[in-house]
Structures are given as structure tokens and as C-alpha cells.
Amino acid sequence: MRDSEKLTYINIMIDTLKKKEVILKELKTTTIKQATILEQEDFDADGFDATIDEKQKRIDELIRLDEGFMDLYEKIKDTLINEGKDYAPEIDQAKNLIKTQTDMSVEIQALEEKNRVKLSIHLSKGRQKGKDFRTSSRTAAAYYKNMSNRHQEGDSYFLDSKK
């Protein structure tokens, strides 16, 4: 039998996943914007730095949403495992959202790697100052760390719910 409080938690989790998907789309758009900046002959360091700031804000939002999601998940984890059949449509919806986000994260990581290579080319040509590179590297490292951690966690959210 479905409990309304548990269903509310599950629906909040689904809403959180939907918000996360929107932020990932924004992050992808910003990463594409970075690629455009990196492809220009006249490198716009200020524009590139602005995209780094935008991405950091999105990453911070993703972290906040993930933390909230995990808090809710911990509250109803046993329900999802033991009473998963009662909440099958919601669990399936959450799984689909997580799969989409995982795919999007992989796509963003591939774009990031291409951007990293392009940035290295710009740096080797002497068009970028060392300070900008260190800032970009720190942001990229934080991003990669966050995305790889979230990617691994995302695969296991509802792993046990098939019982």
C-alpha cells in the first residue's frame, strides 16, 4: 500500500532530478560556449573566465541538489528496496532521469576534454597567462572530480529496487 508521505518524498526526489537535468543542460550549453571561445583566432580570456564562473555556479547547484537528493533517498531507501513494487512508476521515472543525466554527464565530460586540449594549444602559443591557466585548471579539476563522483553515485541510486 502506498504511503502518502513516502510518495511525497519520492516526488520531491523526482523534482530534484528534473532540476538537475535543467542545470546539466545549462552546463552543456556553457561548455559549448567555451568551445566557441577556444575556436576563435583571437582568444577572449575574459569571456572564457566568465564561462568558468558560470560553470562553477552550476556545479555548486548540482552539488546542493545531489546532497538534498541523497538526504531524501536515505530517508526512504528501505521503502524503495522493500516496497519497490508499490512505487514502480515513480522509481522507473527516477531511473530514466538518472540515466539521461548520466548520459549527459558523459557528453559534457567529452566536450570538456576537447576544450582542455584546445586550451592547451592556446597556452602553448603563449596567448594565455599562467594565472588564467591555473584558474581554469582548478575549476576544470573540481568539475571533473564532481562529475565523476556524481556519475558513479547516479548509477546506484535505485540499484536495489528491483528486488
Foldseek 3Di string as FASTA:
>chain_A
DDDVVLVVLLVVLLVLLVVLVVLLVVLLVLLVVLVVQLPDPQRDLVSNVVSLVVNVVSLVSNVVSVVVSVVSLVVCVVCLQVVVVVVVVSVVSLLVSLVVVLVSLVVSVVSVVVSVVSVVVCVVVVNDDPVSVVVVVVSSVVSVVSSVVSSVVSVPSNVNNVD
